[in-house]
Amino acid sequence: MNPKQVGAIRRAVIYFVVGYGGLAVINNAGIAPERMWMAYLPLFVVVYFFARWADARLAAMGQDKSDG
């Protein structure tokens, strides 16, 4: 498989898992529906940056193993 495809799939999986977990927490937090955007907006910003960071770490770990 193309390394770019592997990276894209890895980022999508990270984003899905972390985003879904965050949505589950927020949706069960009892926040009023008209105020949900105040929780969703920072959630998706944090999830995006966390997914990029985690992807970079996983890619670096995979690169270290293949170089060894």
PDB file of N, CA and C in Angstrom:
ATOM      1  N   MET A   1       0.855  -1.175   0.000  1.00  0.00           N
ATOM      2  CA  MET A   1       0.000   0.000   0.000  1.00  0.00           C
ATOM      3  C   MET A   1       0.901   1.238   0.000  1.00  0.00           C
ATOM      4  N   ASN A   2       0.452   2.270  -0.659  1.00  0.00           N
ATOM      5  CA  ASN A   2       1.179   3.525  -0.765  1.00  0.00           C
ATOM      6  C   ASN A   2       1.344   4.156   0.629  1.00  0.00           C
ATOM      7  N   PRO A   3       2.545   4.631   0.979  1.00  0.00           N
ATOM      8  CA  PRO A   3       2.741   5.243   2.305  1.00  0.00           C
ATOM      9  C   PRO A   3       1.818   6.432   2.569  1.00  0.00           C
ATOM     10  N   LYS A   4       1.473   7.187   1.530  1.00  0.00           N
ATOM     11  CA  LYS A   4       0.557   8.311   1.722  1.00  0.00           C
ATOM     12  C   LYS A   4      -0.838   7.807   2.094  1.00  0.00           C
ATOM     13  N   GLN A   5      -1.239   6.687   1.501  1.00  0.00           N
ATOM     14  CA  GLN A   5      -2.537   6.110   1.828  1.00  0.00           C
ATOM     15  C   GLN A   5      -2.547   5.599   3.260  1.00  0.00           C
ATOM     16  N   VAL A   6      -1.460   4.973   3.670  1.00  0.00           N
ATOM     17  CA  VAL A   6      -1.368   4.464   5.045  1.00  0.00           C
ATOM     18  C   VAL A   6      -1.466   5.615   6.037  1.00  0.00           C
ATOM     19  N   GLY A   7      -0.768   6.716   5.759  1.00  0.00           N
ATOM     20  CA  GLY A   7      -0.821   7.884   6.640  1.00  0.00           C
ATOM     21  C   GLY A   7      -2.213   8.478   6.720  1.00  0.00           C
ATOM     22  N   ALA A   8      -2.894   8.565   5.584  1.00  0.00           N
ATOM     23  CA  ALA A   8      -4.244   9.120   5.568  1.00  0.00           C
ATOM     24  C   ALA A   8      -5.211   8.230   6.349  1.00  0.00           C
ATOM     25  N   ILE A   9      -5.088   6.927   6.175  1.00  0.00           N
ATOM     26  CA  ILE A   9      -5.955   5.997   6.904  1.00  0.00           C
ATOM     27  C   ILE A   9      -5.662   6.060   8.394  1.00  0.00           C
ATOM     28  N   ARG A  10      -4.388   6.133   8.761  1.00  0.00           N
ATOM     29  CA  ARG A  10      -4.003   6.214  10.174  1.00  0.00           C
ATOM     30  C   ARG A  10      -4.580   7.485  10.804  1.00  0.00           C
ATOM     31  N   ARG A  11      -4.478   8.636  10.104  1.00  0.00           N
ATOM     32  CA  ARG A  11      -5.028   9.890  10.627  1.00  0.00           C
ATOM     33  C   ARG A  11      -6.545   9.806  10.767  1.00  0.00           C
ATOM     34  N   ALA A  12      -7.200   9.207   9.792  1.00  0.00           N
ATOM     35  CA  ALA A  12      -8.658   9.091   9.840  1.00  0.00           C
ATOM     36  C   ALA A  12      -9.096   8.229  11.022  1.00  0.00           C
ATOM     37  N   VAL A  13      -8.384   7.143  11.263  1.00  0.00           N
ATOM     38  CA  VAL A  13      -8.731   6.262  12.388  1.00  0.00           C
ATOM     39  C   VAL A  13      -8.518   6.986  13.716  1.00  0.00           C
ATOM     40  N   ILE A  14      -7.405   7.684  13.845  1.00  0.00           N
ATOM     41  CA  ILE A  14      -7.134   8.444  15.072  1.00  0.00           C
ATOM     42  C   ILE A  14      -8.226   9.496  15.273  1.00  0.00           C
ATOM     43  N   TYR A  15      -8.538  10.248  14.219  1.00  0.00           N
ATOM     44  CA  TYR A  15      -9.544  11.302  14.305  1.00  0.00           C
ATOM     45  C   TYR A  15     -10.901  10.715  14.679  1.00  0.00           C
ATOM     46  N   PHE A  16     -11.257   9.583  14.072  1.00  0.00           N
ATOM     47  CA  PHE A  16     -12.543   8.954  14.354  1.00  0.00           C
ATOM     48  C   PHE A  16     -12.633   8.513  15.806  1.00  0.00           C
ATOM     49  N   VAL A  17     -11.621   7.823  16.297  1.00  0.00           N
ATOM     50  CA  VAL A  17     -11.664   7.279  17.656  1.00  0.00           C
ATOM     51  C   VAL A  17     -11.697   8.404  18.691  1.00  0.00           C
ATOM     52  N   VAL A  18     -10.811   9.373  18.551  1.00  0.00           N
ATOM     53  CA  VAL A  18     -10.755  10.462  19.529  1.00  0.00           C
ATOM     54  C   VAL A  18     -11.994  11.353  19.418  1.00  0.00           C
ATOM     55  N   GLY A  19     -12.413  11.653  18.189  1.00  0.00           N
ATOM     56  CA  GLY A  19     -13.597  12.489  17.990  1.00  0.00           C
ATOM     57  C   GLY A  19     -14.853  11.830  18.521  1.00  0.00           C
ATOM     58  N   TYR A  20     -15.009  10.547  18.255  1.00  0.00           N
ATOM     59  CA  TYR A  20     -16.189   9.833  18.737  1.00  0.00           C
ATOM     60  C   TYR A  20     -16.210   9.792  20.262  1.00  0.00           C
ATOM     61  N   GLY A  21     -15.058   9.561  20.862  1.00  0.00           N
ATOM     62  CA  GLY A  21     -14.977   9.569  22.323  1.00  0.00           C
ATOM     63  C   GLY A  21     -15.341  10.929  22.891  1.00  0.00           C
ATOM     64  N   GLY A  22     -14.837  11.985  22.283  1.00  0.00           N
ATOM     65  CA  GLY A  22     -15.164  13.334  22.737  1.00  0.00           C
ATOM     66  C   GLY A  22     -16.635  13.652  22.583  1.00  0.00           C
ATOM     67  N   LEU A  23     -17.224  13.249  21.457  1.00  0.00           N
ATOM     68  CA  LEU A  23     -18.655  13.472  21.255  1.00  0.00           C
ATOM     69  C   LEU A  23     -19.484  12.723  22.288  1.00  0.00           C
ATOM     70  N   ALA A  24     -19.084  11.507  22.594  1.00  0.00           N
ATOM     71  CA  ALA A  24     -19.820  10.725  23.585  1.00  0.00           C
ATOM     72  C   ALA A  24     -19.778  11.409  24.950  1.00  0.00           C
ATOM     73  N   VAL A  25     -18.619  11.930  25.315  1.00  0.00           N
ATOM     74  CA  VAL A  25     -18.490  12.622  26.605  1.00  0.00           C
ATOM     75  C   VAL A  25     -19.348  13.879  26.629  1.00  0.00           C
ATOM     76  N   ILE A  26     -19.268  14.688  25.570  1.00  0.00           N
ATOM     77  CA  ILE A  26     -20.029  15.942  25.537  1.00  0.00           C
ATOM     78  C   ILE A  26     -21.531  15.676  25.494  1.00  0.00           C
ATOM     79  N   ASN A  27     -21.942  14.705  24.675  1.00  0.00           N
ATOM     80  CA  ASN A  27     -23.377  14.428  24.558  1.00  0.00           C
ATOM     81  C   ASN A  27     -23.968  13.894  25.857  1.00  0.00           C
ATOM     82  N   ASN A  28     -23.158  13.269  26.680  1.00  0.00           N
ATOM     83  CA  ASN A  28     -23.648  12.744  27.955  1.00  0.00           C
ATOM     84  C   ASN A  28     -23.361  13.676  29.130  1.00  0.00           C
ATOM     85  N   ALA A  29     -22.864  14.878  28.837  1.00  0.00           N
ATOM     86  CA  ALA A  29     -22.514  15.822  29.896  1.00  0.00           C
ATOM     87  C   ALA A  29     -23.700  16.633  30.388  1.00  0.00           C
ATOM     88  N   GLY A  30     -24.820  16.572  29.703  1.00  0.00           N
ATOM     89  CA  GLY A  30     -25.990  17.318  30.149  1.00  0.00           C
ATOM     90  C   GLY A  30     -25.960  18.781  29.775  1.00  0.00           C
ATOM     91  N   ILE A  31     -25.224  19.133  28.742  1.00  0.00           N
ATOM     92  CA  ILE A  31     -25.169  20.521  28.285  1.00  0.00           C
ATOM     93  C   ILE A  31     -26.454  20.820  27.509  1.00  0.00           C
ATOM     94  N   ALA A  32     -26.990  22.014  27.699  1.00  0.00           N
ATOM     95  CA  ALA A  32     -28.204  22.417  26.985  1.00  0.00           C
ATOM     96  C   ALA A  32     -27.934  22.402  25.479  1.00  0.00           C
ATOM     97  N   PRO A  33     -28.886  21.912  24.688  1.00  0.00           N
ATOM     98  CA  PRO A  33     -28.667  21.786  23.237  1.00  0.00           C
ATOM     99  C   PRO A  33     -28.263  23.091  22.546  1.00  0.00           C
ATOM    100  N   GLU A  34     -28.790  24.223  22.995  1.00  0.00           N
ATOM    101  CA  GLU A  34     -28.428  25.486  22.341  1.00  0.00           C
ATOM    102  C   GLU A  34     -27.008  25.944  22.696  1.00  0.00           C
ATOM    103  N   ARG A  35     -26.384  25.295  23.650  1.00  0.00           N
ATOM    104  CA  ARG A  35     -25.012  25.648  24.039  1.00  0.00           C
ATOM    105  C   ARG A  35     -23.987  24.585  23.628  1.00  0.00           C
ATOM    106  N   MET A  36     -24.429  23.576  22.906  1.00  0.00           N
ATOM    107  CA  MET A  36     -23.522  22.491  22.507  1.00  0.00           C
ATOM    108  C   MET A  36     -22.356  22.987  21.658  1.00  0.00           C
ATOM    109  N   TRP A  37     -22.592  23.996  20.819  1.00  0.00           N
ATOM    110  CA  TRP A  37     -21.521  24.484  19.956  1.00  0.00           C
ATOM    111  C   TRP A  37     -20.336  24.992  20.769  1.00  0.00           C
ATOM    112  N   MET A  38     -20.596  25.468  21.976  1.00  0.00           N
ATOM    113  CA  MET A  38     -19.516  25.979  22.822  1.00  0.00           C
ATOM    114  C   MET A  38     -18.588  24.849  23.277  1.00  0.00           C
ATOM    115  N   ALA A  39     -19.083  23.635  23.276  1.00  0.00           N
ATOM    116  CA  ALA A  39     -18.257  22.472  23.608  1.00  0.00           C
ATOM    117  C   ALA A  39     -17.719  21.807  22.347  1.00  0.00           C
ATOM    118  N   TYR A  40     -18.536  21.784  21.282  1.00  0.00           N
ATOM    119  CA  TYR A  40     -18.119  21.113  20.046  1.00  0.00           C
ATOM    120  C   TYR A  40     -16.952  21.828  19.360  1.00  0.00           C
ATOM    121  N   LEU A  41     -16.992  23.142  19.318  1.00  0.00           N
ATOM    122  CA  LEU A  41     -15.955  23.885  18.610  1.00  0.00           C
ATOM    123  C   LEU A  41     -14.560  23.605  19.170  1.00  0.00           C
ATOM    124  N   PRO A  42     -14.323  23.779  20.468  1.00  0.00           N
ATOM    125  CA  PRO A  42     -12.991  23.464  20.979  1.00  0.00           C
ATOM    126  C   PRO A  42     -12.664  21.975  20.868  1.00  0.00           C
ATOM    127  N   LEU A  43     -13.684  21.115  20.992  1.00  0.00           N
ATOM    128  CA  LEU A  43     -13.446  19.674  20.869  1.00  0.00           C
ATOM    129  C   LEU A  43     -12.831  19.354  19.517  1.00  0.00           C
ATOM    130  N   PHE A  44     -13.422  19.842  18.440  1.00  0.00           N
ATOM    131  CA  PHE A  44     -12.923  19.489  17.118  1.00  0.00           C
ATOM    132  C   PHE A  44     -11.574  20.127  16.809  1.00  0.00           C
ATOM    133  N   VAL A  45     -11.317  21.303  17.361  1.00  0.00           N
ATOM    134  CA  VAL A  45      -9.995  21.912  17.192  1.00  0.00           C
ATOM    135  C   VAL A  45      -8.938  21.069  17.913  1.00  0.00           C
ATOM    136  N   VAL A  46      -9.230  20.679  19.153  1.00  0.00           N
ATOM    137  CA  VAL A  46      -8.297  19.863  19.927  1.00  0.00           C
ATOM    138  C   VAL A  46      -8.115  18.489  19.287  1.00  0.00           C
ATOM    139  N   VAL A  47      -9.205  17.891  18.822  1.00  0.00           N
ATOM    140  CA  VAL A  47      -9.115  16.577  18.185  1.00  0.00           C
ATOM    141  C   VAL A  47      -8.257  16.658  16.927  1.00  0.00           C
ATOM    142  N   TYR A  48      -8.412  17.700  16.140  1.00  0.00           N
ATOM    143  CA  TYR A  48      -7.620  17.858  14.917  1.00  0.00           C
ATOM    144  C   TYR A  48      -6.127  17.916  15.252  1.00  0.00           C
ATOM    145  N   PHE A  49      -5.751  18.791  16.184  1.00  0.00           N
ATOM    146  CA  PHE A  49      -4.330  18.934  16.514  1.00  0.00           C
ATOM    147  C   PHE A  49      -3.785  17.691  17.213  1.00  0.00           C
ATOM    148  N   PHE A  50      -4.587  17.051  18.053  1.00  0.00           N
ATOM    149  CA  PHE A  50      -4.144  15.817  18.696  1.00  0.00           C
ATOM    150  C   PHE A  50      -3.935  14.720  17.659  1.00  0.00           C
ATOM    151  N   ALA A  51      -4.836  14.615  16.699  1.00  0.00           N
ATOM    152  CA  ALA A  51      -4.702  13.593  15.655  1.00  0.00           C
ATOM    153  C   ALA A  51      -3.444  13.822  14.834  1.00  0.00           C
ATOM    154  N   ARG A  52      -3.141  15.064  14.510  1.00  0.00           N
ATOM    155  CA  ARG A  52      -1.912  15.366  13.748  1.00  0.00           C
ATOM    156  C   ARG A  52      -0.671  15.010  14.571  1.00  0.00           C
ATOM    157  N   TRP A  53      -0.697  15.365  15.868  1.00  0.00           N
ATOM    158  CA  TRP A  53       0.439  15.063  16.732  1.00  0.00           C
ATOM    159  C   TRP A  53       0.625  13.563  16.895  1.00  0.00           C
ATOM    160  N   ALA A  54      -0.476  12.859  17.181  1.00  0.00           N
ATOM    161  CA  ALA A  54      -0.401  11.407  17.376  1.00  0.00           C
ATOM    162  C   ALA A  54       0.042  10.717  16.093  1.00  0.00           C
ATOM    163  N   ASP A  55      -0.427  11.182  14.948  1.00  0.00           N
ATOM    164  CA  ASP A  55      -0.017  10.602  13.675  1.00  0.00           C
ATOM    165  C   ASP A  55       1.479  10.790  13.452  1.00  0.00           C
ATOM    166  N   ALA A  56       1.978  11.966  13.759  1.00  0.00           N
ATOM    167  CA  ALA A  56       3.414  12.215  13.596  1.00  0.00           C
ATOM    168  C   ALA A  56       4.234  11.314  14.517  1.00  0.00           C
ATOM    169  N   ARG A  57       3.763  11.132  15.743  1.00  0.00           N
ATOM    170  CA  ARG A  57       4.477  10.251  16.681  1.00  0.00           C
ATOM    171  C   ARG A  57       4.472   8.808  16.197  1.00  0.00           C
ATOM    172  N   LEU A  58       3.314   8.327  15.742  1.00  0.00           N
ATOM    173  CA  LEU A  58       3.222   6.953  15.250  1.00  0.00           C
ATOM    174  C   LEU A  58       4.068   6.755  14.002  1.00  0.00           C
ATOM    175  N   ALA A  59       4.084   7.735  13.128  1.00  0.00           N
ATOM    176  CA  ALA A  59       4.898   7.641  11.912  1.00  0.00           C
ATOM    177  C   ALA A  59       6.381   7.599  12.271  1.00  0.00           C
ATOM    178  N   ALA A  60       6.787   8.408  13.248  1.00  0.00           N
ATOM    179  CA  ALA A  60       8.186   8.414  13.671  1.00  0.00           C
ATOM    180  C   ALA A  60       8.570   7.088  14.313  1.00  0.00           C
ATOM    181  N   MET A  61       7.668   6.522  15.108  1.00  0.00           N
ATOM    182  CA  MET A  61       7.954   5.223  15.728  1.00  0.00           C
ATOM    183  C   MET A  61       8.067   4.136  14.661  1.00  0.00           C
ATOM    184  N   GLY A  62       7.211   4.184  13.660  1.00  0.00           N
ATOM    185  CA  GLY A  62       7.271   3.208  12.578  1.00  0.00           C
ATOM    186  C   GLY A  62       8.534   3.362  11.757  1.00  0.00           C
ATOM    187  N   GLN A  63       8.974   4.593  11.587  1.00  0.00           N
ATOM    188  CA  GLN A  63      10.203   4.860  10.833  1.00  0.00           C
ATOM    189  C   GLN A  63      11.419   4.345  11.601  1.00  0.00           C
ATOM    190  N   ASP A  64      11.421   4.514  12.930  1.00  0.00           N
ATOM    191  CA  ASP A  64      12.527   4.041  13.758  1.00  0.00           C
ATOM    192  C   ASP A  64      12.640   2.516  13.679  1.00  0.00           C
ATOM    193  N   LYS A  65      11.515   1.826  13.698  1.00  0.00           N
ATOM    194  CA  LYS A  65      11.517   0.363  13.643  1.00  0.00           C
ATOM    195  C   LYS A  65      12.019  -0.138  12.302  1.00  0.00           C
ATOM    196  N   SER A  66      11.638   0.537  11.224  1.00  0.00           N
ATOM    197  CA  SER A  66      12.054   0.068   9.897  1.00  0.00           C
ATOM    198  C   SER A  66      13.526   0.398   9.618  1.00  0.00           C
ATOM    199  N   ASP A  67      14.072   1.406  10.304  1.00  0.00           N
ATOM    200  CA  ASP A  67      15.482   1.754  10.112  1.00  0.00           C
ATOM    201  C   ASP A  67      16.404   0.832  10.897  1.00  0.00           C
ATOM    202  N   GLY A  68      15.900   0.230  11.976  1.00  0.00           N
ATOM    203  CA  GLY A  68      16.703  -0.565  12.894  1.00  0.00           C
ATOM    204  C   GLY A  68      17.286  -1.752  12.309  1.00  0.00           C
TER     205      GLY A  68
END
